[in-house]
Amino acid sequence: MLYLITTGPITVRKEANDAAAAFDLARNDIGEEMETIGAMGFRVEYIDGDETVVETWKYHNGQAVRELPPDRCWHPDMLYVDDMPSSIPLDAPIVKGKAVIMLGYGVSRPLHMRFRKNYPQAELWTLNQDRMDGAVRHFQIHDPEVRSDMVPEQFNMDDLREKNVKIYDYLNFPYNDIRRNYLCSTADYMLAIADMEGFETICMPGLDFGGMRRPVELHSARFWVGILEGKGCIVHRSPMSLMFRHLTYGLYSIEDLNKVEGN
């Protein structure tokens, strides 16, 4: 079985019989960050050629802990999947206006290589502790006094300033200039800037919204993507994102609904 093990900045693929063995193999590559940052494990299968997550695990105190039961993971049932995760096919490098690649830490992060090839003129935007080469803007919105649980090193951005990277933080973000103060994740801050500045091609590799905070973060991200697509922008969402995976009203049973709601 194939597992994607990720701490966010680092993602590795491991063949293993179970999640615990996959974490053990990944620890050799990732090292101490497996303990200090924690890691997520995703078992994937290929369904009609698409990489689909069928199990989600968390690395906690040296153990593999089931994060979500199978019927709450990314699901191959077409009743509740996003069958069109981008405005146009990923392999169609059609450029419309200014382009941006917003880089997250999720399991779809490696897609950024495809986007950088297809859209070489695109700006690269990063967040938090990311230090990807070529970034021109960086978003570190967290107040370090509020989020003392986060890695302290990520709040030191002198290295980015030396490279003339434009930095957005909770103090200098242009809250009064954006369309609406509906900001429930760093991705929203990035999308709001793209909307404000007229970007028309938006790529979102690694912004999968697959963690424990997704119920808090998804609704606002959907709003911003809806705004951009409503303006005619091309938005390449992660094909593994939970953003628009849903039950289509009128086409499902009460049993289906209860399963998705976890009742």
C-alpha atoms as a PDB file:
ATOM      1  CA  MET A   1       0.000   0.000   0.000  1.00  0.00           C
ATOM      2  CA  LEU A   2       1.179   3.518  -0.778  1.00  0.00           C
ATOM      3  CA  TYR A   3       1.289   6.157   1.949  1.00  0.00           C
ATOM      4  CA  LEU A   4       2.047   9.866   1.723  1.00  0.00           C
ATOM      5  CA  ILE A   5       3.662  10.986   4.988  1.00  0.00           C
ATOM      6  CA  THR A   6       3.873  14.733   5.481  1.00  0.00           C
ATOM      7  CA  THR A   7       4.878  17.232   8.170  1.00  0.00           C
ATOM      8  CA  GLY A   8       3.879  20.089   5.887  1.00  0.00           C
ATOM      9  CA  PRO A   9       7.260  21.266   4.622  1.00  0.00           C
ATOM     10  CA  ILE A  10       8.317  17.670   3.886  1.00  0.00           C
ATOM     11  CA  THR A  11       6.307  14.976   2.092  1.00  0.00           C
ATOM     12  CA  VAL A  12       7.582  11.465   1.385  1.00  0.00           C
ATOM     13  CA  ARG A  13       5.999   8.440  -0.266  1.00  0.00           C
ATOM     14  CA  LYS A  14       6.361   5.034   1.334  1.00  0.00           C
ATOM     15  CA  GLU A  15       5.176   1.551   0.407  1.00  0.00           C
ATOM     16  CA  ALA A  16       4.162  -0.297   3.577  1.00  0.00           C
ATOM     17  CA  ASN A  17       1.707  -2.854   4.903  1.00  0.00           C
ATOM     18  CA  ASP A  18       0.124  -0.404   7.342  1.00  0.00           C
ATOM     19  CA  ALA A  19       0.322   3.187   8.547  1.00  0.00           C
ATOM     20  CA  ALA A  20       2.579   2.421  11.501  1.00  0.00           C
ATOM     21  CA  ALA A  21       5.184   0.826   9.230  1.00  0.00           C
ATOM     22  CA  ALA A  22       4.912   3.764   6.806  1.00  0.00           C
ATOM     23  CA  PHE A  23       5.583   6.235   9.629  1.00  0.00           C
ATOM     24  CA  ASP A  24       8.590   4.185  10.747  1.00  0.00           C
ATOM     25  CA  LEU A  25      10.017   4.282   7.229  1.00  0.00           C
ATOM     26  CA  ALA A  26       9.338   7.999   6.878  1.00  0.00           C
ATOM     27  CA  ARG A  27      11.083   8.792  10.155  1.00  0.00           C
ATOM     28  CA  ASN A  28      14.414   7.847   8.555  1.00  0.00           C
ATOM     29  CA  ASP A  29      13.878  10.607   5.976  1.00  0.00           C
ATOM     30  CA  ILE A  30      12.116  13.232   8.086  1.00  0.00           C
ATOM     31  CA  GLY A  31      13.966  12.814  11.400  1.00  0.00           C
ATOM     32  CA  GLU A  32      13.041  14.544  14.630  1.00  0.00           C
ATOM     33  CA  GLU A  33      10.352  16.672  13.006  1.00  0.00           C
ATOM     34  CA  MET A  34       8.163  13.583  13.103  1.00  0.00           C
ATOM     35  CA  GLU A  35       7.979  14.154  16.870  1.00  0.00           C
ATOM     36  CA  THR A  36       8.340  17.920  17.237  1.00  0.00           C
ATOM     37  CA  ILE A  37       5.954  18.987  14.484  1.00  0.00           C
ATOM     38  CA  GLY A  38       3.965  15.800  14.093  1.00  0.00           C
ATOM     39  CA  ALA A  39       3.038  14.194  10.814  1.00  0.00           C
ATOM     40  CA  MET A  40      -0.003  13.112   8.870  1.00  0.00           C
ATOM     41  CA  GLY A  41      -0.218   9.910   6.871  1.00  0.00           C
ATOM     42  CA  PHE A  42      -2.497   9.401   3.883  1.00  0.00           C
ATOM     43  CA  ARG A  43      -3.058   6.002   2.279  1.00  0.00           C
ATOM     44  CA  VAL A  44      -3.789   6.511  -1.387  1.00  0.00           C
ATOM     45  CA  GLU A  45      -5.265   4.408  -4.129  1.00  0.00           C
ATOM     46  CA  TYR A  46      -5.469   5.120  -7.824  1.00  0.00           C
ATOM     47  CA  ILE A  47      -9.073   5.241  -8.977  1.00  0.00           C
ATOM     48  CA  ASP A  48      -9.578   5.868 -12.691  1.00  0.00           C
ATOM     49  CA  GLY A  49      -6.037   7.216 -12.768  1.00  0.00           C
ATOM     50  CA  ASP A  50      -6.614   9.753  -9.987  1.00  0.00           C
ATOM     51  CA  GLU A  51      -4.723   9.602  -6.704  1.00  0.00           C
ATOM     52  CA  THR A  52      -7.409   9.309  -4.029  1.00  0.00           C
ATOM     53  CA  VAL A  53      -6.941   9.353  -0.257  1.00  0.00           C
ATOM     54  CA  VAL A  54      -8.824   6.493   1.395  1.00  0.00           C
ATOM     55  CA  GLU A  55      -7.398   6.608   4.936  1.00  0.00           C
ATOM     56  CA  THR A  56      -6.018   9.398   7.091  1.00  0.00           C
ATOM     57  CA  TRP A  57      -3.645   8.853  10.027  1.00  0.00           C
ATOM     58  CA  LYS A  58      -1.821  11.044  12.525  1.00  0.00           C
ATOM     59  CA  TYR A  59       1.573  10.393  14.106  1.00  0.00           C
ATOM     60  CA  HIS A  60       1.103  10.969  17.846  1.00  0.00           C
ATOM     61  CA  ASN A  61       3.485   9.959  20.630  1.00  0.00           C
ATOM     62  CA  GLY A  62       5.242   7.556  18.313  1.00  0.00           C
ATOM     63  CA  GLN A  63       2.023   5.824  17.313  1.00  0.00           C
ATOM     64  CA  ALA A  64      -0.170   5.783  14.209  1.00  0.00           C
ATOM     65  CA  VAL A  65      -3.619   7.058  15.211  1.00  0.00           C
ATOM     66  CA  ARG A  66      -6.605   6.967  12.854  1.00  0.00           C
ATOM     67  CA  GLU A  67      -7.545  10.578  12.165  1.00  0.00           C
ATOM     68  CA  LEU A  68     -10.755   9.987  10.256  1.00  0.00           C
ATOM     69  CA  PRO A  69     -12.777   6.828   9.589  1.00  0.00           C
ATOM     70  CA  PRO A  70     -12.746   5.750   5.928  1.00  0.00           C
ATOM     71  CA  ASP A  71     -16.190   7.159   5.148  1.00  0.00           C
ATOM     72  CA  ARG A  72     -15.061  10.643   6.174  1.00  0.00           C
ATOM     73  CA  CYS A  73     -11.933  10.729   3.991  1.00  0.00           C
ATOM     74  CA  TRP A  74     -11.623  11.851   0.392  1.00  0.00           C
ATOM     75  CA  HIS A  75     -14.029   9.397  -1.136  1.00  0.00           C
ATOM     76  CA  PRO A  76     -14.179   7.897  -4.634  1.00  0.00           C
ATOM     77  CA  ASP A  77     -17.994   7.886  -4.665  1.00  0.00           C
ATOM     78  CA  MET A  78     -18.934  10.448  -7.318  1.00  0.00           C
ATOM     79  CA  LEU A  79     -21.925  11.505  -5.208  1.00  0.00           C
ATOM     80  CA  TYR A  80     -19.616  13.577  -3.098  1.00  0.00           C
ATOM     81  CA  VAL A  81     -16.416  14.390  -4.883  1.00  0.00           C
ATOM     82  CA  ASP A  82     -15.291  17.480  -6.701  1.00  0.00           C
ATOM     83  CA  ASP A  83     -15.183  16.108 -10.238  1.00  0.00           C
ATOM     84  CA  MET A  84     -13.785  19.365 -11.632  1.00  0.00           C
ATOM     85  CA  PRO A  85     -11.108  20.589  -9.202  1.00  0.00           C
ATOM     86  CA  SER A  86      -9.938  23.311 -11.579  1.00  0.00           C
ATOM     87  CA  SER A  87     -11.583  25.808 -13.852  1.00  0.00           C
ATOM     88  CA  ILE A  88      -9.701  24.191 -16.747  1.00  0.00           C
ATOM     89  CA  PRO A  89      -7.741  20.888 -16.945  1.00  0.00           C
ATOM     90  CA  LEU A  90      -4.473  20.893 -15.017  1.00  0.00           C
ATOM     91  CA  ASP A  91      -2.560  20.016 -18.159  1.00  0.00           C
ATOM     92  CA  ALA A  92      -3.914  22.977 -20.105  1.00  0.00           C
ATOM     93  CA  PRO A  93      -1.402  25.797 -19.508  1.00  0.00           C
ATOM     94  CA  ILE A  94      -3.762  28.548 -20.612  1.00  0.00           C
ATOM     95  CA  VAL A  95      -2.613  31.833 -19.141  1.00  0.00           C
ATOM     96  CA  LYS A  96      -5.243  34.406 -18.367  1.00  0.00           C
ATOM     97  CA  GLY A  97      -3.901  37.691 -17.064  1.00  0.00           C
ATOM     98  CA  LYS A  98      -1.567  37.790 -14.083  1.00  0.00           C
ATOM     99  CA  ALA A  99      -0.797  34.373 -12.605  1.00  0.00           C
ATOM    100  CA  VAL A 100       0.074  33.300  -9.066  1.00  0.00           C
ATOM    101  CA  ILE A 101       1.049  30.024  -7.421  1.00  0.00           C
ATOM    102  CA  MET A 102      -0.061  29.924  -3.775  1.00  0.00           C
ATOM    103  CA  LEU A 103       2.003  27.186  -2.144  1.00  0.00           C
ATOM    104  CA  GLY A 104       0.685  25.221   0.827  1.00  0.00           C
ATOM    105  CA  TYR A 105       1.953  22.244   2.804  1.00  0.00           C
ATOM    106  CA  GLY A 106      -0.634  19.589   1.906  1.00  0.00           C
ATOM    107  CA  VAL A 107      -0.038  16.349   0.054  1.00  0.00           C
ATOM    108  CA  SER A 108      -0.694  18.022  -3.312  1.00  0.00           C
ATOM    109  CA  ARG A 109       2.294  20.344  -2.751  1.00  0.00           C
ATOM    110  CA  PRO A 110       4.409  18.611  -5.461  1.00  0.00           C
ATOM    111  CA  LEU A 111       1.938  19.952  -8.052  1.00  0.00           C
ATOM    112  CA  HIS A 112       3.742  23.275  -7.769  1.00  0.00           C
ATOM    113  CA  MET A 113       6.435  21.862 -10.073  1.00  0.00           C
ATOM    114  CA  ARG A 114       3.861  21.347 -12.824  1.00  0.00           C
ATOM    115  CA  PHE A 115       2.393  24.783 -12.312  1.00  0.00           C
ATOM    116  CA  ARG A 116       5.809  26.462 -12.347  1.00  0.00           C
ATOM    117  CA  LYS A 117       6.519  24.729 -15.649  1.00  0.00           C
ATOM    118  CA  ASN A 118       3.134  25.585 -17.164  1.00  0.00           C
ATOM    119  CA  TYR A 119       3.077  29.146 -15.815  1.00  0.00           C
ATOM    120  CA  PRO A 120       6.729  30.263 -15.710  1.00  0.00           C
ATOM    121  CA  GLN A 121       5.725  33.900 -15.386  1.00  0.00           C
ATOM    122  CA  ALA A 122       3.563  33.263 -12.287  1.00  0.00           C
ATOM    123  CA  GLU A 123       4.416  34.836  -8.952  1.00  0.00           C
ATOM    124  CA  LEU A 124       5.180  32.331  -6.183  1.00  0.00           C
ATOM    125  CA  TRP A 125       3.627  33.038  -2.780  1.00  0.00           C
ATOM    126  CA  THR A 126       4.533  31.080   0.363  1.00  0.00           C
ATOM    127  CA  LEU A 127       3.368  30.989   3.955  1.00  0.00           C
ATOM    128  CA  ASN A 128       4.442  30.328   7.551  1.00  0.00           C
ATOM    129  CA  GLN A 129       7.842  28.580   7.767  1.00  0.00           C
ATOM    130  CA  ASP A 130       8.122  27.855   4.038  1.00  0.00           C
ATOM    131  CA  ARG A 131      11.331  29.030   2.388  1.00  0.00           C
ATOM    132  CA  MET A 132      10.809  27.840  -1.184  1.00  0.00           C
ATOM    133  CA  ASP A 133      13.256  29.437  -3.593  1.00  0.00           C
ATOM    134  CA  GLY A 134      11.742  31.983  -5.937  1.00  0.00           C
ATOM    135  CA  ALA A 135       8.979  33.257  -3.648  1.00  0.00           C
ATOM    136  CA  VAL A 136       8.212  36.959  -4.077  1.00  0.00           C
ATOM    137  CA  ARG A 137       5.544  37.269  -1.379  1.00  0.00           C
ATOM    138  CA  HIS A 138       5.231  35.561   1.998  1.00  0.00           C
ATOM    139  CA  PHE A 139       2.282  35.364   4.377  1.00  0.00           C
ATOM    140  CA  GLN A 140       2.858  34.963   8.125  1.00  0.00           C
ATOM    141  CA  ILE A 141      -0.400  36.150   9.597  1.00  0.00           C
ATOM    142  CA  HIS A 142      -0.216  34.544  13.053  1.00  0.00           C
ATOM    143  CA  ASP A 143       0.348  36.696  16.120  1.00  0.00           C
ATOM    144  CA  PRO A 144       3.293  34.971  17.852  1.00  0.00           C
ATOM    145  CA  GLU A 145       1.883  35.879  21.273  1.00  0.00           C
ATOM    146  CA  VAL A 146      -1.396  34.170  20.428  1.00  0.00           C
ATOM    147  CA  ARG A 147       0.145  31.151  18.690  1.00  0.00           C
ATOM    148  CA  SER A 148       2.922  30.268  21.097  1.00  0.00           C
ATOM    149  CA  ASP A 149       2.409  26.636  20.063  1.00  0.00           C
ATOM    150  CA  MET A 150       3.931  27.298  16.629  1.00  0.00           C
ATOM    151  CA  VAL A 151       7.575  26.828  15.703  1.00  0.00           C
ATOM    152  CA  PRO A 152       9.263  30.067  16.910  1.00  0.00           C
ATOM    153  CA  GLU A 153      11.771  30.126  14.035  1.00  0.00           C
ATOM    154  CA  GLN A 154       9.041  30.801  11.492  1.00  0.00           C
ATOM    155  CA  PHE A 155       8.454  34.265  12.963  1.00  0.00           C
ATOM    156  CA  ASN A 156      12.030  35.288  12.150  1.00  0.00           C
ATOM    157  CA  MET A 157      11.825  36.422   8.548  1.00  0.00           C
ATOM    158  CA  ASP A 158      15.073  38.363   8.245  1.00  0.00           C
ATOM    159  CA  ASP A 159      16.229  35.929   5.558  1.00  0.00           C
ATOM    160  CA  LEU A 160      13.179  36.790   3.449  1.00  0.00           C
ATOM    161  CA  ARG A 161      13.682  40.514   3.939  1.00  0.00           C
ATOM    162  CA  GLU A 162      17.255  40.160   2.709  1.00  0.00           C
ATOM    163  CA  LYS A 163      15.827  38.692  -0.503  1.00  0.00           C
ATOM    164  CA  ASN A 164      13.327  41.571  -0.826  1.00  0.00           C
ATOM    165  CA  VAL A 165      10.367  39.222  -0.403  1.00  0.00           C
ATOM    166  CA  LYS A 166       7.183  41.164   0.329  1.00  0.00           C
ATOM    167  CA  ILE A 167       5.910  40.002   3.727  1.00  0.00           C
ATOM    168  CA  TYR A 168       2.309  40.166   4.927  1.00  0.00           C
ATOM    169  CA  ASP A 169       1.693  39.813   8.644  1.00  0.00           C
ATOM    170  CA  TYR A 170      -1.250  40.497  10.929  1.00  0.00           C
ATOM    171  CA  LEU A 171      -0.056  44.078  11.443  1.00  0.00           C
ATOM    172  CA  ASN A 172       0.487  45.241   7.854  1.00  0.00           C
ATOM    173  CA  PHE A 173      -2.177  43.289   5.972  1.00  0.00           C
ATOM    174  CA  PRO A 174      -4.461  45.695   4.021  1.00  0.00           C
ATOM    175  CA  TYR A 175      -7.699  44.718   5.746  1.00  0.00           C
ATOM    176  CA  ASN A 176      -9.461  47.902   4.654  1.00  0.00           C
ATOM    177  CA  ASP A 177      -8.696  47.385   0.965  1.00  0.00           C
ATOM    178  CA  ILE A 178      -9.963  43.833   0.418  1.00  0.00           C
ATOM    179  CA  ARG A 179     -13.432  42.912  -0.719  1.00  0.00           C
ATOM    180  CA  ARG A 180     -14.567  41.480   2.615  1.00  0.00           C
ATOM    181  CA  ASN A 181     -13.006  40.638   5.970  1.00  0.00           C
ATOM    182  CA  TYR A 182     -13.819  36.934   5.704  1.00  0.00           C
ATOM    183  CA  LEU A 183     -10.476  35.401   6.584  1.00  0.00           C
ATOM    184  CA  CYS A 184     -10.410  32.014   8.319  1.00  0.00           C
ATOM    185  CA  SER A 185      -7.055  30.689   7.083  1.00  0.00           C
ATOM    186  CA  THR A 186      -3.860  32.000   5.528  1.00  0.00           C
ATOM    187  CA  ALA A 187      -5.174  30.824   2.156  1.00  0.00           C
ATOM    188  CA  ASP A 188      -7.996  33.368   2.477  1.00  0.00           C
ATOM    189  CA  TYR A 189      -5.486  36.191   2.945  1.00  0.00           C
ATOM    190  CA  MET A 190      -3.693  35.068  -0.214  1.00  0.00           C
ATOM    191  CA  LEU A 191      -6.915  34.775  -2.218  1.00  0.00           C
ATOM    192  CA  ALA A 192      -8.081  38.177  -1.003  1.00  0.00           C
ATOM    193  CA  ILE A 193      -4.880  39.805  -2.283  1.00  0.00           C
ATOM    194  CA  ALA A 194      -5.224  37.983  -5.619  1.00  0.00           C
ATOM    195  CA  ASP A 195      -8.780  39.303  -5.910  1.00  0.00           C
ATOM    196  CA  MET A 196      -7.796  42.846  -4.916  1.00  0.00           C
ATOM    197  CA  GLU A 197      -4.875  43.012  -7.350  1.00  0.00           C
ATOM    198  CA  GLY A 198      -6.649  41.468 -10.322  1.00  0.00           C
ATOM    199  CA  PHE A 199      -4.859  38.131 -10.647  1.00  0.00           C
ATOM    200  CA  GLU A 200      -6.709  35.966 -13.138  1.00  0.00           C
ATOM    201  CA  THR A 201      -4.845  32.636 -13.007  1.00  0.00           C
ATOM    202  CA  ILE A 202      -4.601  31.175  -9.503  1.00  0.00           C
ATOM    203  CA  CYS A 203      -2.899  27.858  -8.670  1.00  0.00           C
ATOM    204  CA  MET A 204      -3.268  26.350  -5.179  1.00  0.00           C
ATOM    205  CA  PRO A 205      -0.898  23.357  -4.810  1.00  0.00           C
ATOM    206  CA  GLY A 206      -0.687  22.081  -1.248  1.00  0.00           C
ATOM    207  CA  LEU A 207      -3.762  23.980  -0.047  1.00  0.00           C
ATOM    208  CA  ASP A 208      -5.760  20.804   0.577  1.00  0.00           C
ATOM    209  CA  PHE A 209      -7.790  21.762   3.662  1.00  0.00           C
ATOM    210  CA  GLY A 210      -7.454  18.190   4.917  1.00  0.00           C
ATOM    211  CA  GLY A 211      -6.482  18.840   8.543  1.00  0.00           C
ATOM    212  CA  MET A 212      -8.514  19.010  11.710  1.00  0.00           C
ATOM    213  CA  ARG A 213      -9.343  22.710  11.200  1.00  0.00           C
ATOM    214  CA  ARG A 214     -11.036  22.205   7.846  1.00  0.00           C
ATOM    215  CA  PRO A 215     -14.611  22.839   9.151  1.00  0.00           C
ATOM    216  CA  VAL A 216     -13.417  26.288  10.261  1.00  0.00           C
ATOM    217  CA  GLU A 217     -11.413  27.076   7.136  1.00  0.00           C
ATOM    218  CA  LEU A 218     -13.362  25.622   4.230  1.00  0.00           C
ATOM    219  CA  HIS A 219     -16.391  27.908   4.138  1.00  0.00           C
ATOM    220  CA  SER A 220     -14.384  31.098   3.695  1.00  0.00           C
ATOM    221  CA  ALA A 221     -12.039  29.534   1.127  1.00  0.00           C
ATOM    222  CA  ARG A 222     -15.106  28.526  -0.877  1.00  0.00           C
ATOM    223  CA  PHE A 223     -16.287  32.126  -0.754  1.00  0.00           C
ATOM    224  CA  TRP A 224     -13.027  33.497  -2.169  1.00  0.00           C
ATOM    225  CA  VAL A 225     -12.759  30.829  -4.888  1.00  0.00           C
ATOM    226  CA  GLY A 226     -16.380  31.544  -5.820  1.00  0.00           C
ATOM    227  CA  ILE A 227     -15.602  35.261  -6.107  1.00  0.00           C
ATOM    228  CA  LEU A 228     -12.600  34.601  -8.350  1.00  0.00           C
ATOM    229  CA  GLU A 229     -14.317  32.057 -10.572  1.00  0.00           C
ATOM    230  CA  GLY A 230     -17.362  34.325 -10.756  1.00  0.00           C
ATOM    231  CA  LYS A 231     -15.091  37.016 -12.197  1.00  0.00           C
ATOM    232  CA  GLY A 232     -13.946  34.565 -14.873  1.00  0.00           C
ATOM    233  CA  CYS A 233     -10.601  33.719 -13.275  1.00  0.00           C
ATOM    234  CA  ILE A 234      -8.925  30.352 -13.770  1.00  0.00           C
ATOM    235  CA  VAL A 235      -8.534  28.687 -10.367  1.00  0.00           C
ATOM    236  CA  HIS A 236      -6.557  25.457 -10.117  1.00  0.00           C
ATOM    237  CA  ARG A 237      -7.580  23.965  -6.780  1.00  0.00           C
ATOM    238  CA  SER A 238      -5.823  20.955  -5.363  1.00  0.00           C
ATOM    239  CA  PRO A 239      -7.356  17.781  -6.822  1.00  0.00           C
ATOM    240  CA  MET A 240      -7.136  16.343  -3.295  1.00  0.00           C
ATOM    241  CA  SER A 241      -8.869  19.314  -1.697  1.00  0.00           C
ATOM    242  CA  LEU A 242     -12.043  18.873   0.324  1.00  0.00           C
ATOM    243  CA  MET A 243     -13.153  22.354  -0.714  1.00  0.00           C
ATOM    244  CA  PHE A 244     -15.996  21.423  -3.047  1.00  0.00           C
ATOM    245  CA  ARG A 245     -16.530  17.744  -2.354  1.00  0.00           C
ATOM    246  CA  HIS A 246     -20.149  17.390  -1.423  1.00  0.00           C
ATOM    247  CA  LEU A 247     -23.438  15.584  -1.775  1.00  0.00           C
ATOM    248  CA  THR A 248     -25.417  16.950  -4.709  1.00  0.00           C
ATOM    249  CA  TYR A 249     -28.810  17.927  -3.336  1.00  0.00           C
ATOM    250  CA  GLY A 250     -31.676  15.760  -4.539  1.00  0.00           C
ATOM    251  CA  LEU A 251     -29.449  12.847  -5.532  1.00  0.00           C
ATOM    252  CA  TYR A 252     -28.667  11.255  -2.175  1.00  0.00           C
ATOM    253  CA  SER A 253     -30.441   9.325   0.552  1.00  0.00           C
ATOM    254  CA  ILE A 254     -30.776  10.098   4.250  1.00  0.00           C
ATOM    255  CA  GLU A 255     -28.301   7.259   4.853  1.00  0.00           C
ATOM    256  CA  ASP A 256     -25.769   8.980   2.580  1.00  0.00           C
ATOM    257  CA  LEU A 257     -26.252  12.282   4.411  1.00  0.00           C
ATOM    258  CA  ASN A 258     -25.859  10.688   7.833  1.00  0.00           C
ATOM    259  CA  LYS A 259     -22.641   9.032   6.696  1.00  0.00           C
ATOM    260  CA  VAL A 260     -21.106  12.323   5.563  1.00  0.00           C
ATOM    261  CA  GLU A 261     -22.294  14.148   8.674  1.00  0.00           C
ATOM    262  CA  GLY A 262     -20.885  11.399  10.884  1.00  0.00           C
ATOM    263  CA  ASN A 263     -24.237  10.628  12.538  1.00  0.00           C
END
